[in-house]
Amino acid sequence: WFRQAPGKEREFVAAIRWSGTNTYYADSV
């Protein structure tokens, strides 16, 4: 998942591998 606010750069939010056992998050969330 990514997100983009008006006037801002599109930023990374979270990611997940196929297995679901490895997840990654932006510090902000």
PDB file of all heavy atoms in Angstrom:
ATOM      1  N   TRP A   1       0.835  -1.188   0.000  1.00  0.00           N
ATOM      2  CA  TRP A   1       0.000   0.000   0.000  1.00  0.00           C
ATOM      3  C   TRP A   1       0.874   1.244   0.000  1.00  0.00           C
ATOM      4  O   TRP A   1       1.897   1.296   0.696  1.00  0.00           O
ATOM      5  CB  TRP A   1      -0.916   0.041   1.228  1.00  0.00           C
ATOM      6  CG  TRP A   1      -2.009  -0.980   1.221  1.00  0.00           C
ATOM      7  CD1 TRP A   1      -1.976  -2.218   1.772  1.00  0.00           C
ATOM      8  CD2 TRP A   1      -3.299  -0.826   0.636  1.00  0.00           C
ATOM      9  NE1 TRP A   1      -3.169  -2.856   1.570  1.00  0.00           N
ATOM     10  CE2 TRP A   1      -4.002  -2.030   0.877  1.00  0.00           C
ATOM     11  CE3 TRP A   1      -3.934   0.196  -0.059  1.00  0.00           C
ATOM     12  CZ2 TRP A   1      -5.314  -2.228   0.438  1.00  0.00           C
ATOM     13  CZ3 TRP A   1      -5.236   0.001  -0.501  1.00  0.00           C
ATOM     14  CH2 TRP A   1      -5.910  -1.195  -0.244  1.00  0.00           C
ATOM     15  N   PHE A   2       0.445   2.217  -0.773  1.00  0.00           N
ATOM     16  CA  PHE A   2       1.043   3.542  -0.793  1.00  0.00           C
ATOM     17  C   PHE A   2      -0.052   4.567  -0.553  1.00  0.00           C
ATOM     18  O   PHE A   2      -1.244   4.251  -0.630  1.00  0.00           O
ATOM     19  CB  PHE A   2       1.724   3.818  -2.137  1.00  0.00           C
ATOM     20  CG  PHE A   2       2.966   3.014  -2.384  1.00  0.00           C
ATOM     21  CD1 PHE A   2       2.894   1.663  -2.663  1.00  0.00           C
ATOM     22  CD2 PHE A   2       4.215   3.617  -2.343  1.00  0.00           C
ATOM     23  CE1 PHE A   2       4.038   0.919  -2.899  1.00  0.00           C
ATOM     24  CE2 PHE A   2       5.366   2.889  -2.578  1.00  0.00           C
ATOM     25  CZ  PHE A   2       5.272   1.538  -2.853  1.00  0.00           C
ATOM     26  N   ARG A   3       0.359   5.788  -0.282  1.00  0.00           N
ATOM     27  CA  ARG A   3      -0.618   6.855  -0.153  1.00  0.00           C
ATOM     28  C   ARG A   3      -0.040   8.146  -0.705  1.00  0.00           C
ATOM     29  O   ARG A   3       1.171   8.335  -0.744  1.00  0.00           O
ATOM     30  CB  ARG A   3      -1.062   7.047   1.298  1.00  0.00           C
ATOM     31  CG  ARG A   3       0.025   7.543   2.232  1.00  0.00           C
ATOM     32  CD  ARG A   3      -0.483   7.542   3.668  1.00  0.00           C
ATOM     33  NE  ARG A   3       0.499   8.072   4.594  1.00  0.00           N
ATOM     34  CZ  ARG A   3       0.358   8.074   5.910  1.00  0.00           C
ATOM     35  NH1 ARG A   3      -0.753   7.565   6.456  1.00  0.00           N
ATOM     36  NH2 ARG A   3       1.306   8.575   6.685  1.00  0.00           N
ATOM     37  N   GLN A   4      -0.928   9.029  -1.108  1.00  0.00           N
ATOM     38  CA  GLN A   4      -0.503  10.306  -1.656  1.00  0.00           C
ATOM     39  C   GLN A   4      -1.497  11.385  -1.252  1.00  0.00           C
ATOM     40  O   GLN A   4      -2.671  11.308  -1.588  1.00  0.00           O
ATOM     41  CB  GLN A   4      -0.389  10.241  -3.179  1.00  0.00           C
ATOM     42  CG  GLN A   4       0.235  11.475  -3.795  1.00  0.00           C
ATOM     43  CD  GLN A   4       0.644  11.258  -5.238  1.00  0.00           C
ATOM     44  OE1 GLN A   4       0.124  10.367  -5.912  1.00  0.00           O
ATOM     45  NE2 GLN A   4       1.577  12.052  -5.710  1.00  0.00           N
ATOM     46  N   ALA A   5      -1.008  12.361  -0.535  1.00  0.00           N
ATOM     47  CA  ALA A   5      -1.800  13.513  -0.148  1.00  0.00           C
ATOM     48  C   ALA A   5      -1.614  14.617  -1.179  1.00  0.00           C
ATOM     49  O   ALA A   5      -0.607  14.653  -1.890  1.00  0.00           O
ATOM     50  CB  ALA A   5      -1.386  13.998   1.239  1.00  0.00           C
ATOM     51  N   PRO A   6      -2.564  15.547  -1.272  1.00  0.00           N
ATOM     52  CA  PRO A   6      -2.435  16.644  -2.236  1.00  0.00           C
ATOM     53  C   PRO A   6      -1.131  17.402  -2.055  1.00  0.00           C
ATOM     54  O   PRO A   6      -0.775  17.801  -0.944  1.00  0.00           O
ATOM     55  CB  PRO A   6      -3.646  17.526  -1.928  1.00  0.00           C
ATOM     56  CG  PRO A   6      -4.653  16.591  -1.348  1.00  0.00           C
ATOM     57  CD  PRO A   6      -3.849  15.607  -0.548  1.00  0.00           C
ATOM     58  N   GLY A   7      -0.417  17.594  -3.146  1.00  0.00           N
ATOM     59  CA  GLY A   7       0.837  18.316  -3.109  1.00  0.00           C
ATOM     60  C   GLY A   7       2.001  17.544  -2.540  1.00  0.00           C
ATOM     61  O   GLY A   7       3.093  18.102  -2.403  1.00  0.00           O
ATOM     62  N   LYS A   8       1.796  16.279  -2.215  1.00  0.00           N
ATOM     63  CA  LYS A   8       2.840  15.466  -1.622  1.00  0.00           C
ATOM     64  C   LYS A   8       3.248  14.338  -2.561  1.00  0.00           C
ATOM     65  O   LYS A   8       2.522  13.964  -3.471  1.00  0.00           O
ATOM     66  CB  LYS A   8       2.373  14.871  -0.293  1.00  0.00           C
ATOM     67  CG  LYS A   8       1.938  15.884   0.743  1.00  0.00           C
ATOM     68  CD  LYS A   8       3.097  16.725   1.223  1.00  0.00           C
ATOM     69  CE  LYS A   8       2.655  17.654   2.345  1.00  0.00           C
ATOM     70  NZ  LYS A   8       3.779  18.488   2.834  1.00  0.00           N
ATOM     71  N   GLU A   9       4.428  13.816  -2.313  1.00  0.00           N
ATOM     72  CA  GLU A   9       4.927  12.679  -3.068  1.00  0.00           C
ATOM     73  C   GLU A   9       4.239  11.401  -2.608  1.00  0.00           C
ATOM     74  O   GLU A   9       3.896  11.251  -1.434  1.00  0.00           O
ATOM     75  CB  GLU A   9       6.445  12.581  -2.868  1.00  0.00           C
ATOM     76  CG  GLU A   9       7.125  11.476  -3.648  1.00  0.00           C
ATOM     77  CD  GLU A   9       8.627  11.515  -3.468  1.00  0.00           C
ATOM     78  OE1 GLU A   9       9.236  12.529  -3.844  1.00  0.00           O
ATOM     79  OE2 GLU A   9       9.182  10.535  -2.943  1.00  0.00           O
ATOM     80  N   ARG A  10       4.027  10.499  -3.539  1.00  0.00           N
ATOM     81  CA  ARG A  10       3.462   9.216  -3.171  1.00  0.00           C
ATOM     82  C   ARG A  10       4.443   8.467  -2.268  1.00  0.00           C
ATOM     83  O   ARG A  10       5.619   8.316  -2.601  1.00  0.00           O
ATOM     84  CB  ARG A  10       3.154   8.389  -4.414  1.00  0.00           C
ATOM     85  CG  ARG A  10       2.387   7.112  -4.128  1.00  0.00           C
ATOM     86  CD  ARG A  10       1.874   6.457  -5.409  1.00  0.00           C
ATOM     87  NE  ARG A  10       0.938   7.312  -6.112  1.00  0.00           N
ATOM     88  CZ  ARG A  10       0.245   6.922  -7.182  1.00  0.00           C
ATOM     89  NH1 ARG A  10       0.374   5.691  -7.658  1.00  0.00           N
ATOM     90  NH2 ARG A  10      -0.580   7.786  -7.773  1.00  0.00           N
ATOM     91  N   GLU A  11       3.957   7.998  -1.126  1.00  0.00           N
ATOM     92  CA  GLU A  11       4.838   7.397  -0.148  1.00  0.00           C
ATOM     93  C   GLU A  11       4.417   5.983   0.211  1.00  0.00           C
ATOM     94  O   GLU A  11       3.235   5.633   0.192  1.00  0.00           O
ATOM     95  CB  GLU A  11       4.909   8.257   1.124  1.00  0.00           C
ATOM     96  CG  GLU A  11       3.608   8.349   1.895  1.00  0.00           C
ATOM     97  CD  GLU A  11       3.753   9.079   3.222  1.00  0.00           C
ATOM     98  OE1 GLU A  11       4.894   9.355   3.635  1.00  0.00           O
ATOM     99  OE2 GLU A  11       2.714   9.373   3.854  1.00  0.00           O
ATOM    100  N   PHE A  12       5.406   5.210   0.567  1.00  0.00           N
ATOM    101  CA  PHE A  12       5.193   3.841   0.983  1.00  0.00           C
ATOM    102  C   PHE A  12       4.481   3.790   2.325  1.00  0.00           C
ATOM    103  O   PHE A  12       4.772   4.578   3.223  1.00  0.00           O
ATOM    104  CB  PHE A  12       6.547   3.133   1.082  1.00  0.00           C
ATOM    105  CG  PHE A  12       6.498   1.814   1.782  1.00  0.00           C
ATOM    106  CD1 PHE A  12       5.927   0.707   1.175  1.00  0.00           C
ATOM    107  CD2 PHE A  12       7.029   1.672   3.053  1.00  0.00           C
ATOM    108  CE1 PHE A  12       5.886  -0.518   1.820  1.00  0.00           C
ATOM    109  CE2 PHE A  12       6.999   0.460   3.702  1.00  0.00           C
ATOM    110  CZ  PHE A  12       6.420  -0.636   3.080  1.00  0.00           C
ATOM    111  N   VAL A  13       3.563   2.848   2.463  1.00  0.00           N
ATOM    112  CA  VAL A  13       2.839   2.651   3.714  1.00  0.00           C
ATOM    113  C   VAL A  13       3.147   1.287   4.318  1.00  0.00           C
ATOM    114  O   VAL A  13       3.569   1.186   5.471  1.00  0.00           O
ATOM    115  CB  VAL A  13       1.321   2.808   3.518  1.00  0.00           C
ATOM    116  CG1 VAL A  13       0.574   2.487   4.816  1.00  0.00           C
ATOM    117  CG2 VAL A  13       0.985   4.215   3.045  1.00  0.00           C
ATOM    118  N   ALA A  14       2.917   0.233   3.550  1.00  0.00           N
ATOM    119  CA  ALA A  14       3.104  -1.120   4.064  1.00  0.00           C
ATOM    120  C   ALA A  14       3.245  -2.094   2.911  1.00  0.00           C
ATOM    121  O   ALA A  14       2.775  -1.839   1.800  1.00  0.00           O
ATOM    122  CB  ALA A  14       1.931  -1.532   4.961  1.00  0.00           C
ATOM    123  N   ALA A  15       3.883  -3.221   3.175  1.00  0.00           N
ATOM    124  CA  ALA A  15       4.035  -4.273   2.171  1.00  0.00           C
ATOM    125  C   ALA A  15       3.999  -5.633   2.852  1.00  0.00           C
ATOM    126  O   ALA A  15       4.246  -5.752   4.060  1.00  0.00           O
ATOM    127  CB  ALA A  15       5.340  -4.099   1.392  1.00  0.00           C
ATOM    128  N   ILE A  16       3.719  -6.649   2.053  1.00  0.00           N
ATOM    129  CA  ILE A  16       3.598  -7.999   2.590  1.00  0.00           C
ATOM    130  C   ILE A  16       4.014  -9.010   1.536  1.00  0.00           C
ATOM    131  O   ILE A  16       3.720  -8.850   0.349  1.00  0.00           O
ATOM    132  CB  ILE A  16       2.147  -8.253   3.079  1.00  0.00           C
ATOM    133  CG1 ILE A  16       2.040  -9.590   3.808  1.00  0.00           C
ATOM    134  CG2 ILE A  16       1.160  -8.167   1.916  1.00  0.00           C
ATOM    135  CD1 ILE A  16       0.716  -9.761   4.540  1.00  0.00           C
ATOM    136  N   ARG A  17       4.712 -10.040   1.976  1.00  0.00           N
ATOM    137  CA  ARG A  17       5.063 -11.136   1.084  1.00  0.00           C
ATOM    138  C   ARG A  17       3.884 -12.083   0.899  1.00  0.00           C
ATOM    139  O   ARG A  17       2.893 -12.022   1.628  1.00  0.00           O
ATOM    140  CB  ARG A  17       6.270 -11.900   1.626  1.00  0.00           C
ATOM    141  CG  ARG A  17       7.579 -11.119   1.599  1.00  0.00           C
ATOM    142  CD  ARG A  17       8.750 -12.036   1.902  1.00  0.00           C
ATOM    143  NE  ARG A  17      10.010 -11.324   1.905  1.00  0.00           N
ATOM    144  CZ  ARG A  17      10.745 -11.083   0.825  1.00  0.00           C
ATOM    145  NH1 ARG A  17      10.320 -11.505  -0.367  1.00  0.00           N
ATOM    146  NH2 ARG A  17      11.882 -10.425   0.932  1.00  0.00           N
ATOM    147  N   TRP A  18       4.008 -12.986  -0.059  1.00  0.00           N
ATOM    148  CA  TRP A  18       2.943 -13.932  -0.346  1.00  0.00           C
ATOM    149  C   TRP A  18       2.569 -14.760   0.875  1.00  0.00           C
ATOM    150  O   TRP A  18       1.379 -15.022   1.108  1.00  0.00           O
ATOM    151  CB  TRP A  18       3.369 -14.849  -1.495  1.00  0.00           C
ATOM    152  CG  TRP A  18       2.443 -16.001  -1.718  1.00  0.00           C
ATOM    153  CD1 TRP A  18       1.255 -15.983  -2.386  1.00  0.00           C
ATOM    154  CD2 TRP A  18       2.631 -17.349  -1.263  1.00  0.00           C
ATOM    155  NE1 TRP A  18       0.685 -17.243  -2.391  1.00  0.00           N
ATOM    156  CE2 TRP A  18       1.509 -18.098  -1.707  1.00  0.00           C
ATOM    157  CE3 TRP A  18       3.631 -17.993  -0.531  1.00  0.00           C
ATOM    158  CZ2 TRP A  18       1.369 -19.454  -1.442  1.00  0.00           C
ATOM    159  CZ3 TRP A  18       3.490 -19.351  -0.263  1.00  0.00           C
ATOM    160  CH2 TRP A  18       2.377 -20.060  -0.719  1.00  0.00           C
ATOM    161  N   SER A  19       3.551 -15.184   1.638  1.00  0.00           N
ATOM    162  CA  SER A  19       3.298 -16.024   2.800  1.00  0.00           C
ATOM    163  C   SER A  19       2.534 -15.295   3.895  1.00  0.00           C
ATOM    164  O   SER A  19       1.907 -15.934   4.739  1.00  0.00           O
ATOM    165  CB  SER A  19       4.613 -16.551   3.364  1.00  0.00           C
ATOM    166  OG  SER A  19       5.382 -15.500   3.917  1.00  0.00           O
ATOM    167  N   GLY A  20       2.622 -13.979   3.903  1.00  0.00           N
ATOM    168  CA  GLY A  20       2.003 -13.197   4.951  1.00  0.00           C
ATOM    169  C   GLY A  20       2.806 -13.130   6.230  1.00  0.00           C
ATOM    170  O   GLY A  20       2.412 -12.428   7.166  1.00  0.00           O
ATOM    171  N   THR A  21       3.929 -13.839   6.278  1.00  0.00           N
ATOM    172  CA  THR A  21       4.737 -13.880   7.490  1.00  0.00           C
ATOM    173  C   THR A  21       5.768 -12.769   7.568  1.00  0.00           C
ATOM    174  O   THR A  21       6.386 -12.583   8.620  1.00  0.00           O
ATOM    175  CB  THR A  21       5.455 -15.231   7.615  1.00  0.00           C
ATOM    176  OG1 THR A  21       6.284 -15.440   6.474  1.00  0.00           O
ATOM    177  CG2 THR A  21       4.441 -16.359   7.707  1.00  0.00           C
ATOM    178  N   ASN A  22       5.975 -12.061   6.473  1.00  0.00           N
ATOM    179  CA  ASN A  22       6.905 -10.942   6.451  1.00  0.00           C
ATOM    180  C   ASN A  22       6.154  -9.684   6.057  1.00  0.00           C
ATOM    181  O   ASN A  22       5.606  -9.608   4.956  1.00  0.00           O
ATOM    182  CB  ASN A  22       8.054 -11.190   5.485  1.00  0.00           C
ATOM    183  CG  ASN A  22       8.916 -12.357   5.897  1.00  0.00           C
ATOM    184  OD1 ASN A  22       8.736 -13.479   5.424  1.00  0.00           O
ATOM    185  ND2 ASN A  22       9.865 -12.100   6.784  1.00  0.00           N
ATOM    186  N   THR A  23       6.139  -8.736   6.945  1.00  0.00           N
ATOM    187  CA  THR A  23       5.466  -7.469   6.692  1.00  0.00           C
ATOM    188  C   THR A  23       6.426  -6.318   6.909  1.00  0.00           C
ATOM    189  O   THR A  23       7.398  -6.425   7.665  1.00  0.00           O
ATOM    190  CB  THR A  23       4.232  -7.294   7.592  1.00  0.00           C
ATOM    191  OG1 THR A  23       4.631  -7.419   8.963  1.00  0.00           O
ATOM    192  CG2 THR A  23       3.193  -8.363   7.281  1.00  0.00           C
ATOM    193  N   TYR A  24       6.133  -5.201   6.263  1.00  0.00           N
ATOM    194  CA  TYR A  24       7.000  -4.030   6.286  1.00  0.00           C
ATOM    195  C   TYR A  24       6.120  -2.796   6.409  1.00  0.00           C
ATOM    196  O   TYR A  24       5.065  -2.703   5.779  1.00  0.00           O
ATOM    197  CB  TYR A  24       7.835  -3.961   5.002  1.00  0.00           C
ATOM    198  CG  TYR A  24       8.537  -5.261   4.674  1.00  0.00           C
ATOM    199  CD1 TYR A  24       7.865  -6.271   3.995  1.00  0.00           C
ATOM    200  CD2 TYR A  24       9.847  -5.477   5.057  1.00  0.00           C
ATOM    201  CE1 TYR A  24       8.494  -7.475   3.704  1.00  0.00           C
ATOM    202  CE2 TYR A  24      10.481  -6.678   4.766  1.00  0.00           C
ATOM    203  CZ  TYR A  24       9.802  -7.671   4.091  1.00  0.00           C
ATOM    204  OH  TYR A  24      10.428  -8.856   3.808  1.00  0.00           O
ATOM    205  N   TYR A  25       6.571  -1.844   7.210  1.00  0.00           N
ATOM    206  CA  TYR A  25       5.776  -0.659   7.471  1.00  0.00           C
ATOM    207  C   TYR A  25       6.634   0.597   7.451  1.00  0.00           C
ATOM    208  O   TYR A  25       7.795   0.585   7.868  1.00  0.00           O
ATOM    209  CB  TYR A  25       5.087  -0.735   8.831  1.00  0.00           C
ATOM    210  CG  TYR A  25       4.109  -1.867   8.964  1.00  0.00           C
ATOM    211  CD1 TYR A  25       4.488  -3.077   9.518  1.00  0.00           C
ATOM    212  CD2 TYR A  25       2.797  -1.717   8.538  1.00  0.00           C
ATOM    213  CE1 TYR A  25       3.591  -4.118   9.642  1.00  0.00           C
ATOM    214  CE2 TYR A  25       1.885  -2.755   8.656  1.00  0.00           C
ATOM    215  CZ  TYR A  25       2.290  -3.953   9.209  1.00  0.00           C
ATOM    216  OH  TYR A  25       1.391  -4.983   9.333  1.00  0.00           O
ATOM    217  N   ALA A  26       6.033   1.670   6.979  1.00  0.00           N
ATOM    218  CA  ALA A  26       6.649   2.972   7.149  1.00  0.00           C
ATOM    219  C   ALA A  26       6.618   3.348   8.620  1.00  0.00           C
ATOM    220  O   ALA A  26       5.696   2.978   9.354  1.00  0.00           O
ATOM    221  CB  ALA A  26       5.921   4.023   6.320  1.00  0.00           C
ATOM    222  N   ASP A  27       7.628   4.092   9.047  1.00  0.00           N
ATOM    223  CA  ASP A  27       7.683   4.491  10.449  1.00  0.00           C
ATOM    224  C   ASP A  27       6.447   5.276  10.875  1.00  0.00           C
ATOM    225  O   ASP A  27       6.018   5.190  12.029  1.00  0.00           O
ATOM    226  CB  ASP A  27       8.939   5.324  10.710  1.00  0.00           C
ATOM    227  CG  ASP A  27      10.206   4.497  10.677  1.00  0.00           C
ATOM    228  OD1 ASP A  27      10.125   3.261  10.826  1.00  0.00           O
ATOM    229  OD2 ASP A  27      11.289   5.086  10.511  1.00  0.00           O
ATOM    230  N   SER A  28       5.872   6.017   9.963  1.00  0.00           N
ATOM    231  CA  SER A  28       4.741   6.868  10.287  1.00  0.00           C
ATOM    232  C   SER A  28       3.478   6.088  10.645  1.00  0.00           C
ATOM    233  O   SER A  28       2.576   6.638  11.282  1.00  0.00           O
ATOM    234  CB  SER A  28       4.449   7.822   9.127  1.00  0.00           C
ATOM    235  OG  SER A  28       4.158   7.096   7.945  1.00  0.00           O
ATOM    236  N   VAL A  29       3.401   4.828  10.239  1.00  0.00           N
ATOM    237  CA  VAL A  29       2.204   4.031  10.502  1.00  0.00           C
ATOM    238  C   VAL A  29       2.485   2.820  11.370  1.00  0.00           C
ATOM    239  O   VAL A  29       1.540   2.116  11.766  1.00  0.00           O
ATOM    240  CB  VAL A  29       1.531   3.582   9.194  1.00  0.00           C
ATOM    241  CG1 VAL A  29       1.252   4.776   8.294  1.00  0.00           C
ATOM    242  CG2 VAL A  29       2.385   2.547   8.467  1.00  0.00           C
TER     243      VAL A  29
END
